[in-house]
Protein backbone atom coordinates (compact mmCIF):
# COMPACT_ATOMS: atom_id res chain seq x y z
CA UNK A 1 -17.94 -5.14 -16.97
CA UNK A 2 -20.96 -7.44 -16.77
CA UNK A 3 -22.52 -7.87 -20.22
CA UNK A 4 -19.43 -6.44 -21.93
CA UNK A 5 -18.01 -8.88 -24.48
CA UNK A 6 -14.23 -9.05 -24.47
CA UNK A 7 -12.42 -9.84 -27.69
CA UNK A 8 -10.12 -12.80 -27.99
CA UNK A 9 -6.41 -12.42 -28.72
CA UNK A 10 -3.30 -14.57 -28.60
CA UNK A 11 0.40 -13.75 -28.55
CA UNK A 12 3.15 -16.39 -28.68
CA UNK A 13 6.74 -15.57 -27.78
CA UNK A 14 9.46 -17.91 -29.04
CA UNK A 15 7.19 -21.00 -28.66
CA UNK A 16 7.72 -20.84 -24.91
CA UNK A 17 5.11 -18.41 -23.60
CA UNK A 18 1.54 -17.60 -24.61
CA UNK A 19 -0.53 -14.61 -23.50
CA UNK A 20 -4.27 -14.92 -24.18
CA UNK A 21 -7.20 -12.55 -23.76
CA UNK A 22 -10.90 -13.23 -24.02
CA UNK A 23 -10.86 -16.74 -22.50
CA UNK A 24 -14.21 -17.75 -21.02
CA UNK A 25 -13.20 -21.06 -19.47
CA UNK A 26 -10.58 -23.79 -19.28
CA UNK A 27 -12.33 -27.04 -20.16
CA UNK A 28 -9.37 -29.36 -19.51
CA UNK A 29 -5.61 -29.43 -19.29
CA UNK A 30 -2.53 -31.57 -18.79
CA UNK A 31 1.14 -31.13 -19.68
CA UNK A 32 0.49 -31.74 -23.39
CA UNK A 33 -2.86 -30.09 -24.08
CA UNK A 34 -4.88 -27.16 -22.74
CA UNK A 35 -8.47 -26.91 -23.96
CA UNK A 36 -10.43 -23.69 -23.50
CA UNK A 37 -13.37 -21.66 -24.77
CA UNK A 38 -12.86 -18.18 -26.23
CA UNK A 39 -15.09 -15.10 -26.06
CA UNK A 40 -15.98 -15.83 -29.70
CA UNK A 41 -17.55 -19.13 -28.51
CA UNK A 42 -14.86 -21.08 -30.34
CA UNK A 43 -12.87 -23.90 -28.85
CA UNK A 44 -9.11 -23.48 -28.59
CA UNK A 45 -6.45 -26.07 -27.89
CA UNK A 46 -2.80 -25.37 -27.15
CA UNK A 47 -0.64 -28.45 -27.66
CA UNK A 48 2.95 -29.02 -26.65
CA UNK A 49 5.21 -30.33 -23.90
CA UNK A 50 5.45 -29.42 -20.21
CA UNK A 51 2.57 -26.95 -20.57
CA UNK A 52 1.59 -25.00 -17.48
CA UNK A 53 -1.22 -22.50 -16.89
CA UNK A 54 0.69 -19.76 -15.08
CA UNK A 55 -2.28 -17.45 -14.59
CA UNK A 56 -5.98 -17.41 -15.43
CA UNK A 57 -8.31 -14.61 -14.37
CA UNK A 58 -11.89 -15.70 -15.04
CA UNK A 59 -13.18 -12.15 -14.46
CA UNK A 60 -11.03 -10.54 -17.19
CA UNK A 61 -10.43 -13.60 -19.39
CA UNK A 62 -6.66 -13.05 -19.28
CA UNK A 63 -4.41 -16.11 -19.24
CA UNK A 64 -0.73 -16.96 -19.54
CA UNK A 65 0.76 -20.35 -20.43
CA UNK A 66 4.36 -21.54 -20.44
CA UNK A 67 6.07 -24.62 -21.86
CA UNK A 68 7.00 -25.77 -25.35
CA UNK A 69 4.22 -24.74 -27.76
CA UNK A 70 3.87 -27.12 -30.71
CA UNK A 71 0.40 -26.20 -32.03
CA UNK A 72 -2.56 -23.87 -31.56
CA UNK A 73 -5.83 -25.28 -32.89
CA UNK A 74 -9.22 -23.58 -33.11
CA UNK A 75 -12.40 -25.60 -33.51
CA UNK A 76 -16.09 -24.84 -33.84
CA UNK A 77 -17.82 -25.88 -30.61
CA UNK A 78 -21.29 -25.74 -32.16
CA UNK A 79 -20.33 -28.18 -34.90
CA UNK A 80 -18.58 -30.46 -32.43
CA UNK A 81 -21.70 -30.60 -30.23
CA UNK A 82 -23.84 -31.68 -33.16
CA UNK A 83 -21.32 -34.37 -34.09
CA UNK A 84 -18.85 -34.69 -36.91
CA UNK A 85 -20.16 -35.80 -40.24
CA UNK A 86 -18.02 -38.03 -42.39
CA UNK A 87 -20.23 -37.80 -45.50
CA UNK A 88 -20.80 -34.77 -47.66
CA UNK A 89 -21.03 -31.17 -46.55
CA UNK A 90 -23.33 -29.54 -44.01
């Protein structure tokens, strides 16, 4: 499995459970926000209430989350590292 790139996927069931694949790492979490990095090198944030990471397998990248899901937000980690620009386009 070493060197094999796993694809990222997400499935949400009734805003109360999330099943994710292709998660490289969890970068931070609390009951209202879980921040992670996907196999696509994107950032991903799950926002809500009473969020809980039920399972995370760092070898397979599989993860399950429970709680009230209010939002799922993707962001470009590379752009974030270089800083946000308020003027013009890149």
